[in-house]
Amino acid sequence: MPFVAPLPPDHDPETRKLAEFFNETLGFCPNSVLTMQRRPSIARAFIQLNMAVMANEGRVTSALKRLVGYVASHAAGCRYCQAHTIRAAERYGAEAEQMEHVWEYRTHAAFSEAERVALDLALAASSVPNAVDAALQARVREHWDEGEIVELMGVIALFGYLNRWNDSMATTLEEGAEESGRQWLANEGWERGKHR
């Protein structure tokens, strides 16, 4: 049961209009955003930040951003965000081989060196304590320019916020996200957990 129940999608017309972004990303407005509507300014600011962070600016593709979000959410233990990010990765064209072997990214042929270091950054930055060190920073700089590093860290930080929000709120997992979690993550031990 959620800590705070989501409100109907039409509760705040301005939030509803902004939340159309999620129809492309997930196929529905997430319950996390519907809960944030209790303070519409938070919901609107969150959606705008999400849109800015997840925009495709070039080499850090929309699919890679969602895989980065998945690795960050897995490190934090947020099953709600794991299901959402893998669903969005699929919707944004991530290769099935990458989704099936995301935890073999360091050695699996489906991942480039640039993708590997991006996922290493996601894991290190989402660990407690933070494990980003000078050696990892140097590896990241070998593959990504400063703007791209800002994009990657934006995704990781965004999911840090969402991981805390959804795990603390026990946000109810939507049917579509649960279906994606079962399809792509069950072999890695994923289950919906407290997100009933």
C-alpha atoms as a PDB file:
ATOM      1  CA  MET A   1       0.000   0.000   0.000  1.00  0.00           C
ATOM      2  CA  PRO A   2       1.415   3.408  -0.923  1.00  0.00           C
ATOM      3  CA  PHE A   3       2.432   5.838   1.809  1.00  0.00           C
ATOM      4  CA  VAL A   4       0.505   8.581  -0.059  1.00  0.00           C
ATOM      5  CA  ALA A   5      -2.011   7.633  -2.745  1.00  0.00           C
ATOM      6  CA  PRO A   6      -1.740   9.096  -6.251  1.00  0.00           C
ATOM      7  CA  LEU A   7      -4.318  11.620  -7.405  1.00  0.00           C
ATOM      8  CA  PRO A   8      -6.290  11.267 -10.660  1.00  0.00           C
ATOM      9  CA  PRO A   9      -4.383  12.324 -13.796  1.00  0.00           C
ATOM     10  CA  ASP A  10      -6.717  15.323 -14.343  1.00  0.00           C
ATOM     11  CA  HIS A  11      -6.255  16.708 -10.804  1.00  0.00           C
ATOM     12  CA  ASP A  12      -4.071  19.589 -12.002  1.00  0.00           C
ATOM     13  CA  PRO A  13      -4.593  20.616 -15.664  1.00  0.00           C
ATOM     14  CA  GLU A  14      -1.123  22.169 -16.017  1.00  0.00           C
ATOM     15  CA  THR A  15       0.587  19.036 -14.660  1.00  0.00           C
ATOM     16  CA  ARG A  16      -1.605  16.852 -16.862  1.00  0.00           C
ATOM     17  CA  LYS A  17      -0.475  18.716 -19.991  1.00  0.00           C
ATOM     18  CA  LEU A  18       3.230  18.414 -19.061  1.00  0.00           C
ATOM     19  CA  ALA A  19       2.776  14.757 -18.113  1.00  0.00           C
ATOM     20  CA  GLU A  20       1.902  13.875 -21.720  1.00  0.00           C
ATOM     21  CA  PHE A  21       5.680  13.447 -22.038  1.00  0.00           C
ATOM     22  CA  PHE A  22       5.359  10.160 -20.150  1.00  0.00           C
ATOM     23  CA  ASN A  23       2.907   8.742 -22.699  1.00  0.00           C
ATOM     24  CA  GLU A  24       5.838   8.476 -25.112  1.00  0.00           C
ATOM     25  CA  THR A  25       8.300   7.303 -22.472  1.00  0.00           C
ATOM     26  CA  LEU A  26       6.169   4.744 -20.620  1.00  0.00           C
ATOM     27  CA  GLY A  27       2.722   4.710 -22.201  1.00  0.00           C
ATOM     28  CA  PHE A  28       1.167   6.166 -19.037  1.00  0.00           C
ATOM     29  CA  CYS A  29       1.709   8.851 -16.412  1.00  0.00           C
ATOM     30  CA  PRO A  30       3.648   7.318 -13.499  1.00  0.00           C
ATOM     31  CA  ASN A  31       2.012   7.042 -10.100  1.00  0.00           C
ATOM     32  CA  SER A  32       5.007   8.907  -8.663  1.00  0.00           C
ATOM     33  CA  VAL A  33       4.035  12.020 -10.654  1.00  0.00           C
ATOM     34  CA  LEU A  34       0.362  11.552  -9.784  1.00  0.00           C
ATOM     35  CA  THR A  35       1.355  11.552  -6.115  1.00  0.00           C
ATOM     36  CA  MET A  36       3.556  14.645  -6.530  1.00  0.00           C
ATOM     37  CA  GLN A  37       0.417  16.486  -7.719  1.00  0.00           C
ATOM     38  CA  ARG A  38      -0.482  17.032  -4.080  1.00  0.00           C
ATOM     39  CA  ARG A  39       1.998  19.864  -4.498  1.00  0.00           C
ATOM     40  CA  PRO A  40       1.562  20.743  -8.184  1.00  0.00           C
ATOM     41  CA  SER A  41       4.658  22.939  -8.313  1.00  0.00           C
ATOM     42  CA  ILE A  42       6.777  19.900  -7.354  1.00  0.00           C
ATOM     43  CA  ALA A  43       5.107  17.747 -10.028  1.00  0.00           C
ATOM     44  CA  ARG A  44       5.585  20.384 -12.717  1.00  0.00           C
ATOM     45  CA  ALA A  45       9.219  21.090 -11.791  1.00  0.00           C
ATOM     46  CA  PHE A  46       9.970  17.360 -11.708  1.00  0.00           C
ATOM     47  CA  ILE A  47       8.456  16.777 -15.159  1.00  0.00           C
ATOM     48  CA  GLN A  48      10.411  19.687 -16.636  1.00  0.00           C
ATOM     49  CA  LEU A  49      13.648  18.407 -15.083  1.00  0.00           C
ATOM     50  CA  ASN A  50      12.896  14.905 -16.385  1.00  0.00           C
ATOM     51  CA  MET A  51      12.277  16.247 -19.883  1.00  0.00           C
ATOM     52  CA  ALA A  52      15.547  18.218 -19.846  1.00  0.00           C
ATOM     53  CA  VAL A  53      17.661  15.380 -18.447  1.00  0.00           C
ATOM     54  CA  MET A  54      16.248  12.692 -20.709  1.00  0.00           C
ATOM     55  CA  ALA A  55      16.345  14.742 -23.936  1.00  0.00           C
ATOM     56  CA  ASN A  56      18.392  13.126 -26.674  1.00  0.00           C
ATOM     57  CA  GLU A  57      21.296  15.512 -27.231  1.00  0.00           C
ATOM     58  CA  GLY A  58      23.389  13.171 -29.398  1.00  0.00           C
ATOM     59  CA  ARG A  59      25.687  10.280 -28.467  1.00  0.00           C
ATOM     60  CA  VAL A  60      24.115   9.674 -25.044  1.00  0.00           C
ATOM     61  CA  THR A  61      21.060   8.092 -26.628  1.00  0.00           C
ATOM     62  CA  SER A  62      17.621   7.857 -25.086  1.00  0.00           C
ATOM     63  CA  ALA A  63      18.046   4.073 -24.797  1.00  0.00           C
ATOM     64  CA  LEU A  64      21.433   4.397 -23.051  1.00  0.00           C
ATOM     65  CA  LYS A  65      20.014   6.983 -20.647  1.00  0.00           C
ATOM     66  CA  ARG A  66      17.345   4.489 -19.624  1.00  0.00           C
ATOM     67  CA  LEU A  67      19.940   1.718 -19.125  1.00  0.00           C
ATOM     68  CA  VAL A  68      22.005   4.143 -17.010  1.00  0.00           C
ATOM     69  CA  GLY A  69      18.838   4.850 -15.002  1.00  0.00           C
ATOM     70  CA  TYR A  70      18.257   1.122 -14.614  1.00  0.00           C
ATOM     71  CA  VAL A  71      21.780   0.435 -13.291  1.00  0.00           C
ATOM     72  CA  ALA A  72      21.515   3.409 -10.922  1.00  0.00           C
ATOM     73  CA  SER A  73      18.107   2.212  -9.683  1.00  0.00           C
ATOM     74  CA  HIS A  74      19.354  -1.344  -9.246  1.00  0.00           C
ATOM     75  CA  ALA A  75      22.271  -0.079  -7.148  1.00  0.00           C
ATOM     76  CA  ALA A  76      19.804   1.866  -4.983  1.00  0.00           C
ATOM     77  CA  GLY A  77      17.434  -1.119  -4.769  1.00  0.00           C
ATOM     78  CA  CYS A  78      14.369   0.675  -6.172  1.00  0.00           C
ATOM     79  CA  ARG A  79      12.314  -1.985  -7.911  1.00  0.00           C
ATOM     80  CA  TYR A  80       9.727   0.554  -9.098  1.00  0.00           C
ATOM     81  CA  CYS A  81      12.371   2.527 -11.017  1.00  0.00           C
ATOM     82  CA  GLN A  82      14.019  -0.642 -12.301  1.00  0.00           C
ATOM     83  CA  ALA A  83      10.754  -1.634 -13.980  1.00  0.00           C
ATOM     84  CA  HIS A  84      10.200   1.874 -15.343  1.00  0.00           C
ATOM     85  CA  THR A  85      13.690   2.275 -16.777  1.00  0.00           C
ATOM     86  CA  ILE A  86      13.740  -1.116 -18.485  1.00  0.00           C
ATOM     87  CA  ARG A  87      10.287  -0.396 -19.967  1.00  0.00           C
ATOM     88  CA  ALA A  88      11.490   2.985 -21.252  1.00  0.00           C
ATOM     89  CA  ALA A  89      14.727   1.443 -22.568  1.00  0.00           C
ATOM     90  CA  GLU A  90      12.641  -0.977 -24.598  1.00  0.00           C
ATOM     91  CA  ARG A  91      10.351   1.792 -25.868  1.00  0.00           C
ATOM     92  CA  TYR A  92      13.390   3.863 -26.903  1.00  0.00           C
ATOM     93  CA  GLY A  93      14.937   1.062 -28.920  1.00  0.00           C
ATOM     94  CA  ALA A  94      17.481  -0.536 -26.603  1.00  0.00           C
ATOM     95  CA  GLU A  95      18.680  -3.798 -28.079  1.00  0.00           C
ATOM     96  CA  ALA A  96      17.072  -6.878 -26.550  1.00  0.00           C
ATOM     97  CA  GLU A  97      20.547  -8.337 -26.097  1.00  0.00           C
ATOM     98  CA  GLN A  98      21.558  -5.344 -23.969  1.00  0.00           C
ATOM     99  CA  MET A  99      18.425  -5.549 -21.820  1.00  0.00           C
ATOM    100  CA  GLU A 100      18.841  -9.294 -21.336  1.00  0.00           C
ATOM    101  CA  HIS A 101      22.532  -8.961 -20.437  1.00  0.00           C
ATOM    102  CA  VAL A 102      22.648  -5.597 -18.689  1.00  0.00           C
ATOM    103  CA  TRP A 103      24.515  -7.096 -15.695  1.00  0.00           C
ATOM    104  CA  GLU A 104      27.102  -8.598 -18.000  1.00  0.00           C
ATOM    105  CA  TYR A 105      27.781  -5.185 -19.544  1.00  0.00           C
ATOM    106  CA  ARG A 106      31.454  -5.229 -18.596  1.00  0.00           C
ATOM    107  CA  THR A 107      32.158  -8.257 -20.798  1.00  0.00           C
ATOM    108  CA  HIS A 108      29.190  -8.793 -23.130  1.00  0.00           C
ATOM    109  CA  ALA A 109      29.736  -8.004 -26.818  1.00  0.00           C
ATOM    110  CA  ALA A 110      26.440  -6.077 -26.990  1.00  0.00           C
ATOM    111  CA  PHE A 111      28.056  -3.158 -25.136  1.00  0.00           C
ATOM    112  CA  SER A 112      30.660  -0.743 -26.464  1.00  0.00           C
ATOM    113  CA  GLU A 113      33.507   0.519 -24.271  1.00  0.00           C
ATOM    114  CA  ALA A 114      31.770   3.901 -24.028  1.00  0.00           C
ATOM    115  CA  GLU A 115      28.550   2.225 -22.829  1.00  0.00           C
ATOM    116  CA  ARG A 116      30.489   0.109 -20.333  1.00  0.00           C
ATOM    117  CA  VAL A 117      32.131   3.110 -18.725  1.00  0.00           C
ATOM    118  CA  ALA A 118      28.786   4.972 -18.643  1.00  0.00           C
ATOM    119  CA  LEU A 119      27.220   2.038 -16.782  1.00  0.00           C
ATOM    120  CA  ASP A 120      30.270   1.819 -14.476  1.00  0.00           C
ATOM    121  CA  LEU A 121      29.708   5.502 -13.675  1.00  0.00           C
ATOM    122  CA  ALA A 122      26.019   4.844 -12.946  1.00  0.00           C
ATOM    123  CA  LEU A 123      26.885   2.023 -10.571  1.00  0.00           C
ATOM    124  CA  ALA A 124      29.671   3.921  -8.786  1.00  0.00           C
ATOM    125  CA  ALA A 125      27.724   7.184  -8.469  1.00  0.00           C
ATOM    126  CA  SER A 126      24.656   5.381  -7.090  1.00  0.00           C
ATOM    127  CA  SER A 127      26.550   3.361  -4.510  1.00  0.00           C
ATOM    128  CA  VAL A 128      26.650   4.367  -0.866  1.00  0.00           C
ATOM    129  CA  PRO A 129      29.231   5.570  -0.197  1.00  0.00           C
ATOM    130  CA  ASN A 130      29.783   7.117  -3.605  1.00  0.00           C
ATOM    131  CA  ALA A 131      32.477   5.192  -5.472  1.00  0.00           C
ATOM    132  CA  VAL A 132      33.363   7.658  -8.243  1.00  0.00           C
ATOM    133  CA  ASP A 133      37.115   8.145  -8.012  1.00  0.00           C
ATOM    134  CA  ALA A 134      39.819   9.798 -10.129  1.00  0.00           C
ATOM    135  CA  ALA A 135      40.502   6.586 -12.062  1.00  0.00           C
ATOM    136  CA  LEU A 136      36.838   6.233 -13.087  1.00  0.00           C
ATOM    137  CA  GLN A 137      36.653   9.920 -13.968  1.00  0.00           C
ATOM    138  CA  ALA A 138      39.659   9.461 -16.268  1.00  0.00           C
ATOM    139  CA  ARG A 139      38.033   6.440 -17.954  1.00  0.00           C
ATOM    140  CA  VAL A 140      34.797   8.365 -18.461  1.00  0.00           C
ATOM    141  CA  ARG A 141      36.706  11.286 -20.027  1.00  0.00           C
ATOM    142  CA  GLU A 142      38.269   8.893 -22.548  1.00  0.00           C
ATOM    143  CA  HIS A 143      34.830   8.219 -24.060  1.00  0.00           C
ATOM    144  CA  TRP A 144      32.567  11.161 -23.232  1.00  0.00           C
ATOM    145  CA  ASP A 145      32.951  14.939 -23.501  1.00  0.00           C
ATOM    146  CA  GLU A 146      31.994  17.287 -20.650  1.00  0.00           C
ATOM    147  CA  GLY A 147      28.482  17.929 -21.959  1.00  0.00           C
ATOM    148  CA  GLU A 148      27.881  14.192 -22.252  1.00  0.00           C
ATOM    149  CA  ILE A 149      29.222  13.648 -18.731  1.00  0.00           C
ATOM    150  CA  VAL A 150      26.723  16.246 -17.498  1.00  0.00           C
ATOM    151  CA  GLU A 151      23.965  14.328 -19.306  1.00  0.00           C
ATOM    152  CA  LEU A 152      25.010  11.011 -17.738  1.00  0.00           C
ATOM    153  CA  MET A 153      25.247  12.513 -14.253  1.00  0.00           C
ATOM    154  CA  GLY A 154      21.891  14.223 -14.776  1.00  0.00           C
ATOM    155  CA  VAL A 155      20.294  10.818 -15.389  1.00  0.00           C
ATOM    156  CA  ILE A 156      22.030   9.265 -12.387  1.00  0.00           C
ATOM    157  CA  ALA A 157      21.044  12.151 -10.094  1.00  0.00           C
ATOM    158  CA  LEU A 158      17.453  12.184 -11.401  1.00  0.00           C
ATOM    159  CA  PHE A 159      17.102   8.520 -10.546  1.00  0.00           C
ATOM    160  CA  GLY A 160      18.690   9.118  -7.148  1.00  0.00           C
ATOM    161  CA  TYR A 161      15.744  11.417  -6.456  1.00  0.00           C
ATOM    162  CA  LEU A 162      13.223   8.978  -7.917  1.00  0.00           C
ATOM    163  CA  ASN A 163      14.717   5.981  -6.108  1.00  0.00           C
ATOM    164  CA  ARG A 164      14.325   7.729  -2.751  1.00  0.00           C
ATOM    165  CA  TRP A 165      10.846   8.996  -3.627  1.00  0.00           C
ATOM    166  CA  ASN A 166       9.407   5.720  -4.888  1.00  0.00           C
ATOM    167  CA  ASP A 167      10.971   3.413  -2.324  1.00  0.00           C
ATOM    168  CA  SER A 168       9.963   5.665   0.585  1.00  0.00           C
ATOM    169  CA  MET A 169       6.471   6.215  -0.816  1.00  0.00           C
ATOM    170  CA  ALA A 170       6.024   2.513  -1.724  1.00  0.00           C
ATOM    171  CA  THR A 171       4.598   3.877  -4.988  1.00  0.00           C
ATOM    172  CA  THR A 172       2.160   1.458  -6.598  1.00  0.00           C
ATOM    173  CA  LEU A 173       3.704  -0.113  -9.691  1.00  0.00           C
ATOM    174  CA  GLU A 174       1.644   0.261 -12.848  1.00  0.00           C
ATOM    175  CA  GLU A 175       0.654  -2.849 -14.814  1.00  0.00           C
ATOM    176  CA  GLY A 176       2.724  -1.992 -17.909  1.00  0.00           C
ATOM    177  CA  ALA A 177       5.880  -1.388 -15.886  1.00  0.00           C
ATOM    178  CA  GLU A 178       5.368  -4.607 -13.953  1.00  0.00           C
ATOM    179  CA  GLU A 179       4.984  -6.496 -17.226  1.00  0.00           C
ATOM    180  CA  SER A 180       8.308  -5.086 -18.483  1.00  0.00           C
ATOM    181  CA  GLY A 181      10.005  -5.926 -15.195  1.00  0.00           C
ATOM    182  CA  ARG A 182       8.817  -9.516 -15.405  1.00  0.00           C
ATOM    183  CA  GLN A 183       9.814  -9.803 -19.074  1.00  0.00           C
ATOM    184  CA  TRP A 184      13.328  -8.339 -18.881  1.00  0.00           C
ATOM    185  CA  LEU A 185      14.413  -8.522 -15.230  1.00  0.00           C
ATOM    186  CA  ALA A 186      12.869 -11.611 -13.634  1.00  0.00           C
ATOM    187  CA  ASN A 187      15.907 -13.731 -14.536  1.00  0.00           C
ATOM    188  CA  GLU A 188      18.000 -11.334 -12.424  1.00  0.00           C
ATOM    189  CA  GLY A 189      15.680 -11.815  -9.435  1.00  0.00           C
ATOM    190  CA  TRP A 190      13.446  -8.759  -9.973  1.00  0.00           C
ATOM    191  CA  GLU A 191      10.043  -8.707  -8.264  1.00  0.00           C
ATOM    192  CA  ARG A 192       7.682  -5.851  -7.545  1.00  0.00           C
ATOM    193  CA  GLY A 193       8.494  -5.858  -3.830  1.00  0.00           C
ATOM    194  CA  LYS A 194       6.629  -3.289  -1.735  1.00  0.00           C
ATOM    195  CA  HIS A 195       5.214  -1.519  -4.802  1.00  0.00           C
ATOM    196  CA  ARG A 196       1.773  -3.183  -4.644  1.00  0.00           C
END
